[in-house]
PDB file of N, CA and C in Angstrom:
ATOM      1  N   MET A   1      88.177 111.546 105.728  1.00  0.00           N
ATOM      2  CA  MET A   1      88.247 111.337 104.123  1.00  0.00           C
ATOM      3  C   MET A   1      88.078 109.945 103.996  1.00  0.00           C
ATOM      4  N   ASN A   2      87.629 109.637 102.968  1.00  0.00           N
ATOM      5  CA  ASN A   2      87.188 108.309 102.606  1.00  0.00           C
ATOM      6  C   ASN A   2      87.709 107.886 100.988  1.00  0.00           C
ATOM      7  N   LEU A   3      88.331 106.591 101.028  1.00  0.00           N
ATOM      8  CA  LEU A   3      88.460 105.930  99.806  1.00  0.00           C
ATOM      9  C   LEU A   3      87.664 104.629  99.488  1.00  0.00           C
ATOM     10  N   VAL A   4      86.937 104.435  98.475  1.00  0.00           N
ATOM     11  CA  VAL A   4      86.208 103.325  98.321  1.00  0.00           C
ATOM     12  C   VAL A   4      87.122 102.665  96.976  1.00  0.00           C
ATOM     13  N   ASP A   5      87.651 101.471  97.729  1.00  0.00           N
ATOM     14  CA  ASP A   5      88.257 100.810  96.829  1.00  0.00           C
ATOM     15  C   ASP A   5      87.517  99.707  95.467  1.00  0.00           C
ATOM     16  N   SER A   6      88.238  99.345  94.711  1.00  0.00           N
ATOM     17  CA  SER A   6      87.663  99.086  93.102  1.00  0.00           C
ATOM     18  C   SER A   6      86.222  98.356  93.201  1.00  0.00           C
ATOM     19  N   SER A   7      86.560  97.127  94.377  1.00  0.00           N
ATOM     20  CA  SER A   7      85.438  96.469  94.964  1.00  0.00           C
ATOM     21  C   SER A   7      84.163  97.222  95.005  1.00  0.00           C
ATOM     22  N   GLY A   8      84.276  97.935  95.825  1.00  0.00           N
ATOM     23  CA  GLY A   8      83.020  98.982  96.303  1.00  0.00           C
ATOM     24  C   GLY A   8      82.629  99.518  95.067  1.00  0.00           C
ATOM     25  N   TRP A   9      83.437  99.999  94.452  1.00  0.00           N
ATOM     26  CA  TRP A   9      82.761 100.794  93.260  1.00  0.00           C
ATOM     27  C   TRP A   9      82.151 100.051  91.877  1.00  0.00           C
ATOM     28  N   LEU A  10      82.367  98.802  92.103  1.00  0.00           N
ATOM     29  CA  LEU A  10      81.654  98.184  91.025  1.00  0.00           C
ATOM     30  C   LEU A  10      80.533  97.506  91.714  1.00  0.00           C
ATOM     31  N   GLU A  11      80.989  97.191  92.992  1.00  0.00           N
ATOM     32  CA  GLU A  11      79.422  96.764  93.516  1.00  0.00           C
ATOM     33  C   GLU A  11      78.474  97.930  93.502  1.00  0.00           C
ATOM     34  N   TYR A  12      78.973  99.235  93.660  1.00  0.00           N
ATOM     35  CA  TYR A  12      78.115 100.500  93.601  1.00  0.00           C
ATOM     36  C   TYR A  12      77.355 100.521  92.511  1.00  0.00           C
ATOM     37  N   PHE A  13      78.120 100.566  91.327  1.00  0.00           N
ATOM     38  CA  PHE A  13      77.913 100.533  89.875  1.00  0.00           C
ATOM     39  C   PHE A  13      76.906  99.358  89.586  1.00  0.00           C
ATOM     40  N   THR A  14      76.743  98.452  89.661  1.00  0.00           N
ATOM     41  CA  THR A  14      75.901  97.375  89.338  1.00  0.00           C
ATOM     42  C   THR A  14      74.939  96.857  90.387  1.00  0.00           C
ATOM     43  N   ASP A  15      74.556  98.030  91.478  1.00  0.00           N
ATOM     44  CA  ASP A  15      73.718  97.620  92.267  1.00  0.00           C
ATOM     45  C   ASP A  15      74.125  96.117  92.951  1.00  0.00           C
ATOM     46  N   SER A  16      75.085  95.734  93.118  1.00  0.00           N
ATOM     47  CA  SER A  16      74.750  94.842  93.970  1.00  0.00           C
ATOM     48  C   SER A  16      74.350  94.814  95.447  1.00  0.00           C
ATOM     49  N   LYS A  17      74.525  93.647  95.776  1.00  0.00           N
ATOM     50  CA  LYS A  17      74.422  93.344  97.453  1.00  0.00           C
ATOM     51  C   LYS A  17      74.868  94.190  98.281  1.00  0.00           C
ATOM     52  N   ASN A  18      76.152  94.540  98.085  1.00  0.00           N
ATOM     53  CA  ASN A  18      76.471  95.608  98.982  1.00  0.00           C
ATOM     54  C   ASN A  18      76.435  97.102  98.296  1.00  0.00           C
ATOM     55  N   ALA A  19      76.159  97.681  97.309  1.00  0.00           N
ATOM     56  CA  ALA A  19      75.921  98.653  96.877  1.00  0.00           C
ATOM     57  C   ALA A  19      75.631  99.444  98.731  1.00  0.00           C
ATOM     58  N   LYS A  20      75.059  99.305  99.179  1.00  0.00           N
ATOM     59  CA  LYS A  20      74.036 100.143 100.077  1.00  0.00           C
ATOM     60  C   LYS A  20      74.999 100.221 101.059  1.00  0.00           C
ATOM     61  N   TYR A  21      76.160  99.368 101.269  1.00  0.00           N
ATOM     62  CA  TYR A  21      77.082  99.560 102.039  1.00  0.00           C
ATOM     63  C   TYR A  21      78.000 100.578 102.040  1.00  0.00           C
ATOM     64  N   PHE A  22      78.576 100.934 100.401  1.00  0.00           N
ATOM     65  CA  PHE A  22      79.338 101.646  99.984  1.00  0.00           C
ATOM     66  C   PHE A  22      78.469 102.984  99.324  1.00  0.00           C
ATOM     67  N   ALA A  23      77.446 102.858  99.018  1.00  0.00           N
ATOM     68  CA  ALA A  23      76.624 104.121  98.697  1.00  0.00           C
ATOM     69  C   ALA A  23      76.832 105.133  99.373  1.00  0.00           C
ATOM     70  N   PRO A  24      76.644 105.367 100.474  1.00  0.00           N
ATOM     71  CA  PRO A  24      76.556 106.769 101.191  1.00  0.00           C
ATOM     72  C   PRO A  24      78.221 107.345 101.324  1.00  0.00           C
ATOM     73  N   VAL A  25      78.840 106.629 101.274  1.00  0.00           N
ATOM     74  CA  VAL A  25      80.256 107.026 100.842  1.00  0.00           C
ATOM     75  C   VAL A  25      80.698 107.782  99.972  1.00  0.00           C
ATOM     76  N   ILE A  26      80.191 107.064  98.700  1.00  0.00           N
ATOM     77  CA  ILE A  26      80.765 107.088  97.480  1.00  0.00           C
ATOM     78  C   ILE A  26      79.804 108.449  96.913  1.00  0.00           C
ATOM     79  N   GLU A  27      78.788 108.526  97.746  1.00  0.00           N
ATOM     80  CA  GLU A  27      77.874 109.847  97.118  1.00  0.00           C
ATOM     81  C   GLU A  27      78.274 111.032  98.102  1.00  0.00           C
ATOM     82  N   ASN A  28      78.746 110.904  99.192  1.00  0.00           N
ATOM     83  CA  ASN A  28      79.278 112.120  99.823  1.00  0.00           C
ATOM     84  C   ASN A  28      80.957 112.575  99.077  1.00  0.00           C
ATOM     85  N   LYS A  29      80.518 112.973  98.079  1.00  0.00           N
ATOM     86  CA  LYS A  29      81.867 113.427  97.114  1.00  0.00           C
ATOM     87  C   LYS A  29      82.866 114.385  97.983  1.00  0.00           C
ATOM     88  N   ASP A  30      82.229 115.520  99.131  1.00  0.00           N
ATOM     89  CA  ASP A  30      83.243 116.457  99.648  1.00  0.00           C
ATOM     90  C   ASP A  30      84.315 115.439 100.482  1.00  0.00           C
ATOM     91  N   GLU A  31      84.168 114.599 101.063  1.00  0.00           N
ATOM     92  CA  GLU A  31      85.072 113.979 102.040  1.00  0.00           C
ATOM     93  C   GLU A  31      85.220 112.405 101.372  1.00  0.00           C
ATOM     94  N   LEU A  32      85.474 112.016  99.857  1.00  0.00           N
ATOM     95  CA  LEU A  32      85.824 111.187  98.868  1.00  0.00           C
ATOM     96  C   LEU A  32      86.827 111.583  98.176  1.00  0.00           C
ATOM     97  N   ILE A  33      88.108 110.722  98.036  1.00  0.00           N
ATOM     98  CA  ILE A  33      89.062 110.812  97.107  1.00  0.00           C
ATOM     99  C   ILE A  33      89.125 109.554  96.765  1.00  0.00           C
ATOM    100  N   ILE A  34      89.997 109.098  95.174  1.00  0.00           N
ATOM    101  CA  ILE A  34      90.427 107.923  94.153  1.00  0.00           C
ATOM    102  C   ILE A  34      91.674 107.843  93.825  1.00  0.00           C
ATOM    103  N   SER A  35      91.822 106.697  93.924  1.00  0.00           N
ATOM    104  CA  SER A  35      93.353 106.586  93.540  1.00  0.00           C
ATOM    105  C   SER A  35      93.013 106.419  91.856  1.00  0.00           C
ATOM    106  N   VAL A  36      94.203 106.672  91.134  1.00  0.00           N
ATOM    107  CA  VAL A  36      94.272 106.392  89.648  1.00  0.00           C
ATOM    108  C   VAL A  36      94.265 105.053  89.131  1.00  0.00           C
ATOM    109  N   ILE A  37      94.917 104.276  90.379  1.00  0.00           N
ATOM    110  CA  ILE A  37      94.603 102.690  90.555  1.00  0.00           C
ATOM    111  C   ILE A  37      93.420 102.753  90.367  1.00  0.00           C
ATOM    112  N   ASN A  38      92.363 103.257  91.321  1.00  0.00           N
ATOM    113  CA  ASN A  38      91.156 102.641  90.912  1.00  0.00           C
ATOM    114  C   ASN A  38      90.025 103.489  89.674  1.00  0.00           C
ATOM    115  N   LEU A  39      90.888 104.462  89.112  1.00  0.00           N
ATOM    116  CA  LEU A  39      90.260 104.558  88.136  1.00  0.00           C
ATOM    117  C   LEU A  39      90.545 103.219  86.786  1.00  0.00           C
ATOM    118  N   TYR A  40      91.829 103.111  86.852  1.00  0.00           N
ATOM    119  CA  TYR A  40      92.450 102.019  86.074  1.00  0.00           C
ATOM    120  C   TYR A  40      91.499 100.732  86.231  1.00  0.00           C
ATOM    121  N   GLU A  41      91.646 100.161  87.375  1.00  0.00           N
ATOM    122  CA  GLU A  41      90.521  98.992  87.614  1.00  0.00           C
ATOM    123  C   GLU A  41      89.072  98.894  86.965  1.00  0.00           C
ATOM    124  N   VAL A  42      88.801  99.944  87.560  1.00  0.00           N
ATOM    125  CA  VAL A  42      87.169 100.062  87.432  1.00  0.00           C
ATOM    126  C   VAL A  42      86.849 100.183  85.400  1.00  0.00           C
ATOM    127  N   TYR A  43      87.953 101.104  85.152  1.00  0.00           N
ATOM    128  CA  TYR A  43      87.235 100.759  83.713  1.00  0.00           C
ATOM    129  C   TYR A  43      87.889  99.918  82.846  1.00  0.00           C
ATOM    130  N   LYS A  44      88.755  98.935  83.259  1.00  0.00           N
ATOM    131  CA  LYS A  44      89.188  97.785  82.499  1.00  0.00           C
ATOM    132  C   LYS A  44      88.164  97.035  82.903  1.00  0.00           C
ATOM    133  N   LYS A  45      87.474  96.984  83.869  1.00  0.00           N
ATOM    134  CA  LYS A  45      86.442  95.704  84.655  1.00  0.00           C
ATOM    135  C   LYS A  45      85.190  96.376  83.781  1.00  0.00           C
ATOM    136  N   VAL A  46      84.815  97.756  83.759  1.00  0.00           N
ATOM    137  CA  VAL A  46      83.369  97.966  82.705  1.00  0.00           C
ATOM    138  C   VAL A  46      83.755  97.634  81.581  1.00  0.00           C
ATOM    139  N   MET A  47      84.590  97.865  81.063  1.00  0.00           N
ATOM    140  CA  MET A  47      85.037  98.194  79.479  1.00  0.00           C
ATOM    141  C   MET A  47      84.955  96.600  79.127  1.00  0.00           C
ATOM    142  N   SER A  48      85.978  95.740  80.011  1.00  0.00           N
ATOM    143  CA  SER A  48      85.429  94.280  79.479  1.00  0.00           C
ATOM    144  C   SER A  48      84.168  93.698  79.743  1.00  0.00           C
ATOM    145  N   ALA A  49      83.289  93.968  80.548  1.00  0.00           N
ATOM    146  CA  ALA A  49      82.152  93.285  80.877  1.00  0.00           C
ATOM    147  C   ALA A  49      81.133  93.828  80.257  1.00  0.00           C
ATOM    148  N   LYS A  50      81.155  95.591  79.604  1.00  0.00           N
ATOM    149  CA  LYS A  50      79.853  96.226  79.097  1.00  0.00           C
ATOM    150  C   LYS A  50      80.705  96.896  77.901  1.00  0.00           C
ATOM    151  N   SER A  51      81.173  97.882  78.073  1.00  0.00           N
ATOM    152  CA  SER A  51      81.371  99.158  76.429  1.00  0.00           C
ATOM    153  C   SER A  51      82.514  99.744  77.041  1.00  0.00           C
ATOM    154  N   GLU A  52      83.355 100.375  76.175  1.00  0.00           N
ATOM    155  CA  GLU A  52      83.913 101.561  76.211  1.00  0.00           C
ATOM    156  C   GLU A  52      82.994 102.978  76.797  1.00  0.00           C
ATOM    157  N   LYS A  53      81.828 102.905  76.332  1.00  0.00           N
ATOM    158  CA  LYS A  53      80.898 103.917  76.495  1.00  0.00           C
ATOM    159  C   LYS A  53      80.223 103.949  78.183  1.00  0.00           C
ATOM    160  N   SER A  54      80.475 102.532  78.512  1.00  0.00           N
ATOM    161  CA  SER A  54      80.030 102.489  80.130  1.00  0.00           C
ATOM    162  C   SER A  54      81.215 102.582  81.197  1.00  0.00           C
ATOM    163  N   ALA A  55      82.238 102.423  80.541  1.00  0.00           N
ATOM    164  CA  ALA A  55      83.600 102.711  81.423  1.00  0.00           C
ATOM    165  C   ALA A  55      83.720 104.065  81.304  1.00  0.00           C
ATOM    166  N   ASN A  56      83.380 104.672  80.166  1.00  0.00           N
ATOM    167  CA  ASN A  56      83.882 106.145  80.715  1.00  0.00           C
ATOM    168  C   ASN A  56      82.882 107.058  81.514  1.00  0.00           C
ATOM    169  N   GLU A  57      81.399 106.613  81.269  1.00  0.00           N
ATOM    170  CA  GLU A  57      80.637 106.954  82.327  1.00  0.00           C
ATOM    171  C   GLU A  57      80.988 106.841  83.756  1.00  0.00           C
ATOM    172  N   ALA A  58      81.296 105.501  83.979  1.00  0.00           N
ATOM    173  CA  ALA A  58      81.445 104.758  85.506  1.00  0.00           C
ATOM    174  C   ALA A  58      82.521 105.688  85.883  1.00  0.00           C
ATOM    175  N   CYS A  59      83.973 106.074  84.762  1.00  0.00           N
ATOM    176  CA  CYS A  59      84.840 106.672  85.606  1.00  0.00           C
ATOM    177  C   CYS A  59      84.600 108.298  85.666  1.00  0.00           C
ATOM    178  N   SER A  60      83.674 108.751  84.922  1.00  0.00           N
ATOM    179  CA  SER A  60      83.040 110.497  85.334  1.00  0.00           C
ATOM    180  C   SER A  60      82.327 110.934  86.410  1.00  0.00           C
ATOM    181  N   VAL A  61      81.608 109.228  87.233  1.00  0.00           N
ATOM    182  CA  VAL A  61      80.858 109.709  88.139  1.00  0.00           C
ATOM    183  C   VAL A  61      82.575 109.683  89.280  1.00  0.00           C
ATOM    184  N   MET A  62      83.169 108.687  88.963  1.00  0.00           N
ATOM    185  CA  MET A  62      84.287 108.508  90.093  1.00  0.00           C
ATOM    186  C   MET A  62      84.989 110.030  89.866  1.00  0.00           C
ATOM    187  N   MET A  63      85.234 110.556  89.041  1.00  0.00           N
ATOM    188  CA  MET A  63      86.226 111.686  88.830  1.00  0.00           C
ATOM    189  C   MET A  63      85.322 112.985  89.491  1.00  0.00           C
ATOM    190  N   GLN A  64      84.406 112.721  90.177  1.00  0.00           N
ATOM    191  CA  GLN A  64      83.712 113.745  90.986  1.00  0.00           C
ATOM    192  C   GLN A  64      84.503 113.568  92.285  1.00  0.00           C
ATOM    193  N   ALA A  65      84.772 112.909  92.603  1.00  0.00           N
ATOM    194  CA  ALA A  65      85.790 113.074  93.644  1.00  0.00           C
ATOM    195  C   ALA A  65      86.910 113.934  93.286  1.00  0.00           C
ATOM    196  N   LYS A  66      88.023 113.913  94.571  1.00  0.00           N
ATOM    197  CA  LYS A  66      88.890 114.295  94.470  1.00  0.00           C
ATOM    198  C   LYS A  66      90.110 112.915  93.842  1.00  0.00           C
ATOM    199  N   VAL A  67      90.526 113.490  92.769  1.00  0.00           N
ATOM    200  CA  VAL A  67      91.550 111.994  92.182  1.00  0.00           C
ATOM    201  C   VAL A  67      93.167 112.545  92.364  1.00  0.00           C
ATOM    202  N   ILE A  68      93.808 111.453  93.376  1.00  0.00           N
ATOM    203  CA  ILE A  68      94.800 111.613  93.604  1.00  0.00           C
ATOM    204  C   ILE A  68      96.110 110.635  92.584  1.00  0.00           C
ATOM    205  N   ASP A  69      97.064 111.785  92.324  1.00  0.00           N
ATOM    206  CA  ASP A  69      97.616 111.150  91.333  1.00  0.00           C
ATOM    207  C   ASP A  69      98.992 110.275  92.017  1.00  0.00           C
ATOM    208  N   LEU A  70      99.435 109.794  91.439  1.00  0.00           N
ATOM    209  CA  LEU A  70     100.996 108.774  91.721  1.00  0.00           C
ATOM    210  C   LEU A  70     102.062 109.991  91.644  1.00  0.00           C
ATOM    211  N   ASP A  71     102.888 109.537  92.805  1.00  0.00           N
ATOM    212  CA  ASP A  71     104.433 110.140  92.320  1.00  0.00           C
ATOM    213  C   ASP A  71     105.197 109.395  93.190  1.00  0.00           C
ATOM    214  N   ALA A  72     106.370 109.774  93.396  1.00  0.00           N
ATOM    215  CA  ALA A  72     107.577 109.139  93.756  1.00  0.00           C
ATOM    216  C   ALA A  72     107.449 108.880  95.005  1.00  0.00           C
ATOM    217  N   SER A  73     106.874 109.448  96.351  1.00  0.00           N
ATOM    218  CA  SER A  73     106.570 109.573  97.529  1.00  0.00           C
ATOM    219  C   SER A  73     105.871 108.220  97.590  1.00  0.00           C
ATOM    220  N   LEU A  74     104.483 108.514  97.085  1.00  0.00           N
ATOM    221  CA  LEU A  74     103.632 107.103  97.350  1.00  0.00           C
ATOM    222  C   LEU A  74     104.226 106.074  96.437  1.00  0.00           C
ATOM    223  N   SER A  75     104.980 105.878  95.611  1.00  0.00           N
ATOM    224  CA  SER A  75     105.009 104.766  95.211  1.00  0.00           C
ATOM    225  C   SER A  75     106.232 103.928  96.168  1.00  0.00           C
ATOM    226  N   LEU A  76     107.137 104.688  96.452  1.00  0.00           N
ATOM    227  CA  LEU A  76     108.497 103.968  97.148  1.00  0.00           C
ATOM    228  C   LEU A  76     107.849 103.630  98.717  1.00  0.00           C
ATOM    229  N   SER A  77     106.563 104.320  99.405  1.00  0.00           N
ATOM    230  CA  SER A  77     105.910 103.640 100.616  1.00  0.00           C
ATOM    231  C   SER A  77     105.043 102.944  99.905  1.00  0.00           C
ATOM    232  N   ALA A  78     104.263 102.663  98.882  1.00  0.00           N
ATOM    233  CA  ALA A  78     103.578 101.762  98.725  1.00  0.00           C
ATOM    234  C   ALA A  78     104.274 100.182  98.300  1.00  0.00           C
ATOM    235  N   SER A  79     105.748 100.362  98.127  1.00  0.00           N
ATOM    236  CA  SER A  79     106.483  99.339  97.655  1.00  0.00           C
ATOM    237  C   SER A  79     106.771  98.888  99.290  1.00  0.00           C
ATOM    238  N   ASN A  80     106.738  99.822 100.432  1.00  0.00           N
ATOM    239  CA  ASN A  80     107.008  99.008 101.795  1.00  0.00           C
ATOM    240  C   ASN A  80     105.790  98.317 102.231  1.00  0.00           C
ATOM    241  N   ILE A  81     105.133  98.923 102.301  1.00  0.00           N
ATOM    242  CA  ILE A  81     103.353  98.389 102.720  1.00  0.00           C
ATOM    243  C   ILE A  81     103.516  96.986 101.727  1.00  0.00           C
ATOM    244  N   SER A  82     103.772  96.841 100.689  1.00  0.00           N
ATOM    245  CA  SER A  82     103.408  95.767 100.006  1.00  0.00           C
ATOM    246  C   SER A  82     104.521  94.547 100.561  1.00  0.00           C
ATOM    247  N   CYS A  83     105.630  94.848 100.938  1.00  0.00           N
ATOM    248  CA  CYS A  83     106.445  93.830 101.627  1.00  0.00           C
ATOM    249  C   CYS A  83     106.113  93.620 102.719  1.00  0.00           C
ATOM    250  N   LYS A  84     105.681  94.845 103.326  1.00  0.00           N
ATOM    251  CA  LYS A  84     105.198  94.365 105.028  1.00  0.00           C
ATOM    252  C   LYS A  84     104.055  93.604 105.305  1.00  0.00           C
ATOM    253  N   TYR A  85     103.179  94.059 104.669  1.00  0.00           N
ATOM    254  CA  TYR A  85     101.832  93.078 104.593  1.00  0.00           C
ATOM    255  C   TYR A  85     101.329  92.070 103.437  1.00  0.00           C
ATOM    256  N   LYS A  86     102.433  92.088 102.719  1.00  0.00           N
ATOM    257  CA  LYS A  86     102.338  90.690 101.675  1.00  0.00           C
ATOM    258  C   LYS A  86     101.379  91.111 101.014  1.00  0.00           C
ATOM    259  N   ILE A  87     100.873  92.586 100.333  1.00  0.00           N
ATOM    260  CA  ILE A  87      99.847  92.650  99.233  1.00  0.00           C
ATOM    261  C   ILE A  87     100.130  93.321  98.224  1.00  0.00           C
ATOM    262  N   PRO A  88      99.292  92.883  97.147  1.00  0.00           N
ATOM    263  CA  PRO A  88     100.034  93.344  95.830  1.00  0.00           C
ATOM    264  C   PRO A  88     100.091  94.828  95.567  1.00  0.00           C
ATOM    265  N   MET A  89     100.932  94.946  94.407  1.00  0.00           N
ATOM    266  CA  MET A  89     101.143  96.756  94.046  1.00  0.00           C
ATOM    267  C   MET A  89     100.090  97.176  93.993  1.00  0.00           C
ATOM    268  N   ALA A  90      99.038  97.056  93.229  1.00  0.00           N
ATOM    269  CA  ALA A  90      97.639  97.635  93.266  1.00  0.00           C
ATOM    270  C   ALA A  90      97.216  98.003  94.453  1.00  0.00           C
ATOM    271  N   ASP A  91      96.974  97.282  95.488  1.00  0.00           N
ATOM    272  CA  ASP A  91      96.263  97.412  96.535  1.00  0.00           C
ATOM    273  C   ASP A  91      97.184  98.088  97.344  1.00  0.00           C
ATOM    274  N   SER A  92      98.602  97.989  97.260  1.00  0.00           N
ATOM    275  CA  SER A  92      99.251  98.905  98.315  1.00  0.00           C
ATOM    276  C   SER A  92      99.473 100.342  97.599  1.00  0.00           C
ATOM    277  N   LEU A  93      99.271 100.552  96.804  1.00  0.00           N
ATOM    278  CA  LEU A  93      99.063 101.570  96.202  1.00  0.00           C
ATOM    279  C   LEU A  93      98.164 102.781  96.302  1.00  0.00           C
ATOM    280  N   ILE A  94      96.689 101.604  96.771  1.00  0.00           N
ATOM    281  CA  ILE A  94      95.640 102.566  96.894  1.00  0.00           C
ATOM    282  C   ILE A  94      95.756 102.571  98.468  1.00  0.00           C
ATOM    283  N   TYR A  95      96.524 101.486  99.082  1.00  0.00           N
ATOM    284  CA  TYR A  95      96.344 101.818 100.186  1.00  0.00           C
ATOM    285  C   TYR A  95      97.174 102.725 100.919  1.00  0.00           C
ATOM    286  N   VAL A  96      98.116 102.796 100.211  1.00  0.00           N
ATOM    287  CA  VAL A  96      98.981 104.295 100.775  1.00  0.00           C
ATOM    288  C   VAL A  96      98.590 105.573 100.271  1.00  0.00           C
ATOM    289  N   THR A  97      97.867 105.835  99.380  1.00  0.00           N
ATOM    290  CA  THR A  97      97.005 106.995  98.653  1.00  0.00           C
ATOM    291  C   THR A  97      95.943 107.696  99.987  1.00  0.00           C
ATOM    292  N   ALA A  98      95.272 106.240 100.626  1.00  0.00           N
ATOM    293  CA  ALA A  98      94.637 106.701 101.642  1.00  0.00           C
ATOM    294  C   ALA A  98      95.279 107.180 102.696  1.00  0.00           C
ATOM    295  N   GLN A  99      96.112 106.443 102.880  1.00  0.00           N
ATOM    296  CA  GLN A  99      96.990 106.521 104.661  1.00  0.00           C
ATOM    297  C   GLN A  99      97.719 108.125 104.011  1.00  0.00           C
ATOM    298  N   PHE A 100      98.039 108.713 103.203  1.00  0.00           N
ATOM    299  CA  PHE A 100      98.633 109.736 102.597  1.00  0.00           C
ATOM    300  C   PHE A 100      97.611 110.921 102.918  1.00  0.00           C
ATOM    301  N   ASN A 101      96.374 110.090 102.824  1.00  0.00           N
ATOM    302  CA  ASN A 101      95.321 111.608 102.693  1.00  0.00           C
ATOM    303  C   ASN A 101      94.317 111.503 103.828  1.00  0.00           C
ATOM    304  N   ASP A 102      94.757 110.939 104.708  1.00  0.00           N
ATOM    305  CA  ASP A 102      94.243 110.351 105.867  1.00  0.00           C
ATOM    306  C   ASP A 102      92.558 109.956 106.116  1.00  0.00           C
ATOM    307  N   ALA A 103      92.781 109.164 105.009  1.00  0.00           N
ATOM    308  CA  ALA A 103      91.481 108.664 104.734  1.00  0.00           C
ATOM    309  C   ALA A 103      91.168 107.163 105.034  1.00  0.00           C
ATOM    310  N   ILE A 104      90.093 106.597 105.128  1.00  0.00           N
ATOM    311  CA  ILE A 104      89.599 105.295 105.631  1.00  0.00           C
ATOM    312  C   ILE A 104      89.530 104.443 104.475  1.00  0.00           C
ATOM    313  N   VAL A 105      90.000 103.278 103.904  1.00  0.00           N
ATOM    314  CA  VAL A 105      89.471 102.598 102.715  1.00  0.00           C
ATOM    315  C   VAL A 105      88.538 101.727 102.441  1.00  0.00           C
ATOM    316  N   TRP A 106      87.094 101.652 102.034  1.00  0.00           N
ATOM    317  CA  TRP A 106      86.312 101.045 102.146  1.00  0.00           C
ATOM    318  C   TRP A 106      86.052 100.057 101.468  1.00  0.00           C
ATOM    319  N   THR A 107      86.218  99.064 101.607  1.00  0.00           N
ATOM    320  CA  THR A 107      86.185  97.401 100.623  1.00  0.00           C
ATOM    321  C   THR A 107      85.920  96.227 100.726  1.00  0.00           C
ATOM    322  N   GLN A 108      85.719  95.259 100.083  1.00  0.00           N
ATOM    323  CA  GLN A 108      85.297  93.874 100.399  1.00  0.00           C
ATOM    324  C   GLN A 108      86.395  93.096  99.811  1.00  0.00           C
ATOM    325  N   ASP A 109      87.775  93.441  99.695  1.00  0.00           N
ATOM    326  CA  ASP A 109      88.667  92.781  98.914  1.00  0.00           C
ATOM    327  C   ASP A 109      89.758  92.359 100.153  1.00  0.00           C
ATOM    328  N   TYR A 110      89.470  90.754 100.177  1.00  0.00           N
ATOM    329  CA  TYR A 110      90.373  90.542 101.503  1.00  0.00           C
ATOM    330  C   TYR A 110      92.064  90.694 101.608  1.00  0.00           C
ATOM    331  N   ASP A 111      92.728  91.087 100.457  1.00  0.00           N
ATOM    332  CA  ASP A 111      93.616  91.859 100.965  1.00  0.00           C
ATOM    333  C   ASP A 111      94.028  93.058 101.748  1.00  0.00           C
ATOM    334  N   PHE A 112      92.927  93.592 102.030  1.00  0.00           N
ATOM    335  CA  PHE A 112      92.854  94.714 102.752  1.00  0.00           C
ATOM    336  C   PHE A 112      92.439  94.363 104.412  1.00  0.00           C
ATOM    337  N   ILE A 113      91.856  93.297 104.683  1.00  0.00           N
ATOM    338  CA  ILE A 113      90.807  92.676 105.702  1.00  0.00           C
ATOM    339  C   ILE A 113      91.681  93.375 107.094  1.00  0.00           C
ATOM    340  N   ASP A 114      93.022  93.365 107.533  1.00  0.00           N
ATOM    341  CA  ASP A 114      93.410  93.167 108.411  1.00  0.00           C
ATOM    342  C   ASP A 114      94.663  94.679 108.705  1.00  0.00           C
ATOM    343  N   LEU A 115      94.279  95.379 107.387  1.00  0.00           N
ATOM    344  CA  LEU A 115      95.323  96.791 107.706  1.00  0.00           C
ATOM    345  C   LEU A 115      94.489  97.755 108.647  1.00  0.00           C
ATOM    346  N   PRO A 116      95.208  98.463 109.078  1.00  0.00           N
ATOM    347  CA  PRO A 116      94.638  99.617 109.818  1.00  0.00           C
ATOM    348  C   PRO A 116      94.277 100.728 109.145  1.00  0.00           C
ATOM    349  N   GLY A 117      92.795 101.266 109.472  1.00  0.00           N
ATOM    350  CA  GLY A 117      92.166 102.121 108.887  1.00  0.00           C
ATOM    351  C   GLY A 117      91.296 101.729 107.521  1.00  0.00           C
ATOM    352  N   VAL A 118      91.141 100.298 107.703  1.00  0.00           N
ATOM    353  CA  VAL A 118      89.981  99.993 106.403  1.00  0.00           C
ATOM    354  C   VAL A 118      88.781  99.191 107.312  1.00  0.00           C
ATOM    355  N   LYS A 119      87.942  99.789 106.513  1.00  0.00           N
ATOM    356  CA  LYS A 119      86.592  99.518 107.077  1.00  0.00           C
ATOM    357  C   LYS A 119      86.199  98.197 105.817  1.00  0.00           C
ATOM    358  N   PHE A 120      86.456  97.142 105.985  1.00  0.00           N
ATOM    359  CA  PHE A 120      85.918  95.635 105.422  1.00  0.00           C
ATOM    360  C   PHE A 120      84.528  94.780 105.768  1.00  0.00           C
ATOM    361  N   ILE A 121      84.078  95.146 104.438  1.00  0.00           N
ATOM    362  CA  ILE A 121      82.485  93.863 104.416  1.00  0.00           C
ATOM    363  C   ILE A 121      83.045  92.444 103.558  1.00  0.00           C
ATOM    364  N   LYS A 122      82.392  91.604 103.982  1.00  0.00           N
ATOM    365  CA  LYS A 122      82.335  90.309 103.230  1.00  0.00           C
ATOM    366  C   LYS A 122      81.478  90.483 102.285  1.00  0.00           C
ATOM    367  N   LYS A 123      82.498  90.076 101.162  1.00  0.00           N
ATOM    368  CA  LYS A 123      81.237  90.193  99.790  1.00  0.00           C
ATOM    369  C   LYS A 123      80.319  88.881  99.303  1.00  0.00           C
ATOM    370  N   ASN A 124      79.106  89.356  99.095  1.00  0.00           N
ATOM    371  CA  ASN A 124      78.086  88.329  99.627  1.00  0.00           C
ATOM    372  C   ASN A 124      78.121  87.774  97.974  1.00  0.00           C
TER     373      ASN A 124
END
């Protein structure tokens, strides 16, 4: 399984330089999960930069993958991860979502760079 972080989704939607790195993972919907945190972050960013319509369209594409909701177990584990690795709340929730689902995190966010189970590419 795979989970593309919000930074990867935004690269894909804007067809930026690293879009080709994330595209094969995103387009393999059978092996793709997303966190509700990714939906929040992408929706907010696209709505701020473009429009509510564009944000809804982006999230429609994202929701073709399996959406993983937050629960108490995920939240508590994310808190532990946040403390252990000194990463922000949203990133710890995304990371734990991947861990609970045996998924690799694909990202260009430096908060994830040294975590196990992460495929990192430097942002161009």
